[in-house]
């Protein structure tokens, strides 16, 4: 009975570790993007890049590049 209990606890621990690894990868991906969104979402009076004609497109492109680079990095490390 003790061995069955240990086996069950081991299986639960393995499942929890996989879930935590997935959550960590999603957090590592979206925390920098959330920071950038929060930083550029502030109401600045004089912030040069926000007055640029294509600022929203540039910001979206930078966020997409960060996301793609992080996903490629995670895939190469076989974390994802």
C-alpha atoms as a PDB file:
ATOM      1  CA  UNK A   1       0.000   0.000   0.000  1.00  0.00           C
ATOM      2  CA  UNK A   2       2.852   2.354   0.822  1.00  0.00           C
ATOM      3  CA  UNK A   3       4.421   1.807  -2.609  1.00  0.00           C
ATOM      4  CA  UNK A   4       1.131   2.613  -4.350  1.00  0.00           C
ATOM      5  CA  UNK A   5       0.803   5.806  -2.348  1.00  0.00           C
ATOM      6  CA  UNK A   6       4.368   6.802  -3.256  1.00  0.00           C
ATOM      7  CA  UNK A   7       3.694   6.063  -6.920  1.00  0.00           C
ATOM      8  CA  UNK A   8       0.540   8.184  -6.879  1.00  0.00           C
ATOM      9  CA  UNK A   9       2.320  11.074  -5.179  1.00  0.00           C
ATOM     10  CA  UNK A  10       5.131  10.824  -7.731  1.00  0.00           C
ATOM     11  CA  UNK A  11       2.636  10.978 -10.624  1.00  0.00           C
ATOM     12  CA  UNK A  12       0.878  13.979  -9.114  1.00  0.00           C
ATOM     13  CA  UNK A  13       4.216  15.706  -8.591  1.00  0.00           C
ATOM     14  CA  UNK A  14       5.208  15.090 -12.208  1.00  0.00           C
ATOM     15  CA  UNK A  15       1.918  16.530 -13.490  1.00  0.00           C
ATOM     16  CA  UNK A  16       2.308  19.579 -11.237  1.00  0.00           C
ATOM     17  CA  UNK A  17       5.863  20.143 -12.468  1.00  0.00           C
ATOM     18  CA  UNK A  18       4.700  20.076 -16.101  1.00  0.00           C
ATOM     19  CA  UNK A  19       1.912  22.541 -15.346  1.00  0.00           C
ATOM     20  CA  UNK A  20       4.282  24.864 -13.484  1.00  0.00           C
ATOM     21  CA  UNK A  21       6.805  24.730 -16.338  1.00  0.00           C
ATOM     22  CA  UNK A  22       4.079  25.715 -18.816  1.00  0.00           C
ATOM     23  CA  UNK A  23       2.885  28.580 -16.619  1.00  0.00           C
ATOM     24  CA  UNK A  24       6.454  29.792 -16.161  1.00  0.00           C
ATOM     25  CA  UNK A  25       7.023  29.857 -19.920  1.00  0.00           C
ATOM     26  CA  UNK A  26       3.837  31.832 -20.513  1.00  0.00           C
ATOM     27  CA  UNK A  27       4.778  34.258 -17.737  1.00  0.00           C
ATOM     28  CA  UNK A  28       8.297  34.682 -19.099  1.00  0.00           C
ATOM     29  CA  UNK A  29       6.807  35.432 -22.500  1.00  0.00           C
ATOM     30  CA  UNK A  30       4.132  37.920 -21.485  1.00  0.00           C
ATOM     31  CA  UNK A  31       5.730  39.803 -18.558  1.00  0.00           C
ATOM     32  CA  UNK A  32       8.107  41.829 -20.806  1.00  0.00           C
ATOM     33  CA  UNK A  33       5.230  42.586 -23.172  1.00  0.00           C
ATOM     34  CA  UNK A  34       3.070  43.718 -20.239  1.00  0.00           C
ATOM     35  CA  UNK A  35       5.888  45.961 -19.042  1.00  0.00           C
ATOM     36  CA  UNK A  36       6.230  47.581 -22.459  1.00  0.00           C
ATOM     37  CA  UNK A  37       2.481  48.067 -22.720  1.00  0.00           C
ATOM     38  CA  UNK A  38       2.337  49.628 -19.262  1.00  0.00           C
ATOM     39  CA  UNK A  39       5.319  51.886 -19.956  1.00  0.00           C
ATOM     40  CA  UNK A  40       4.048  53.206 -23.266  1.00  0.00           C
ATOM     41  CA  UNK A  41       0.485  53.411 -21.952  1.00  0.00           C
ATOM     42  CA  UNK A  42       1.404  56.128 -19.459  1.00  0.00           C
ATOM     43  CA  UNK A  43       0.339  59.677 -20.175  1.00  0.00           C
ATOM     44  CA  UNK A  44       3.586  61.427 -21.020  1.00  0.00           C
ATOM     45  CA  UNK A  45       3.559  65.010 -22.201  1.00  0.00           C
ATOM     46  CA  UNK A  46       6.907  64.975 -23.998  1.00  0.00           C
ATOM     47  CA  UNK A  47       7.852  61.527 -25.201  1.00  0.00           C
ATOM     48  CA  UNK A  48       9.298  61.720 -28.710  1.00  0.00           C
ATOM     49  CA  UNK A  49       8.495  58.276 -30.011  1.00  0.00           C
ATOM     50  CA  UNK A  50       4.790  58.659 -29.224  1.00  0.00           C
ATOM     51  CA  UNK A  51       4.578  61.623 -31.591  1.00  0.00           C
ATOM     52  CA  UNK A  52       6.032  59.550 -34.437  1.00  0.00           C
ATOM     53  CA  UNK A  53       3.513  58.866 -37.183  1.00  0.00           C
ATOM     54  CA  UNK A  54       3.918  55.086 -37.106  1.00  0.00           C
ATOM     55  CA  UNK A  55       4.473  54.693 -33.356  1.00  0.00           C
ATOM     56  CA  UNK A  56       1.677  52.161 -32.847  1.00  0.00           C
ATOM     57  CA  UNK A  57       2.879  50.032 -35.750  1.00  0.00           C
ATOM     58  CA  UNK A  58       6.477  50.210 -34.494  1.00  0.00           C
ATOM     59  CA  UNK A  59       5.424  49.260 -30.968  1.00  0.00           C
ATOM     60  CA  UNK A  60       3.331  46.337 -32.246  1.00  0.00           C
ATOM     61  CA  UNK A  61       6.216  45.159 -34.399  1.00  0.00           C
ATOM     62  CA  UNK A  62       8.663  45.286 -31.490  1.00  0.00           C
ATOM     63  CA  UNK A  63       6.266  43.304 -29.280  1.00  0.00           C
ATOM     64  CA  UNK A  64       5.774  40.705 -32.010  1.00  0.00           C
ATOM     65  CA  UNK A  65       9.532  40.381 -32.506  1.00  0.00           C
ATOM     66  CA  UNK A  66      10.068  39.894 -28.769  1.00  0.00           C
ATOM     67  CA  UNK A  67       7.359  37.237 -28.688  1.00  0.00           C
ATOM     68  CA  UNK A  68       8.774  35.361 -31.695  1.00  0.00           C
ATOM     69  CA  UNK A  69      12.346  35.494 -30.372  1.00  0.00           C
ATOM     70  CA  UNK A  70      11.269  34.133 -26.996  1.00  0.00           C
ATOM     71  CA  UNK A  71       9.241  31.314 -28.560  1.00  0.00           C
ATOM     72  CA  UNK A  72      12.194  30.369 -30.791  1.00  0.00           C
ATOM     73  CA  UNK A  73      14.502  30.436 -27.773  1.00  0.00           C
ATOM     74  CA  UNK A  74      12.137  28.191 -25.791  1.00  0.00           C
ATOM     75  CA  UNK A  75      11.776  25.784 -28.718  1.00  0.00           C
ATOM     76  CA  UNK A  76      15.555  25.484 -29.126  1.00  0.00           C
ATOM     77  CA  UNK A  77      15.944  24.747 -25.426  1.00  0.00           C
ATOM     78  CA  UNK A  78      13.107  22.194 -25.810  1.00  0.00           C
ATOM     79  CA  UNK A  79      11.172  23.848 -23.013  1.00  0.00           C
ATOM     80  CA  UNK A  80       8.080  24.340 -25.152  1.00  0.00           C
END
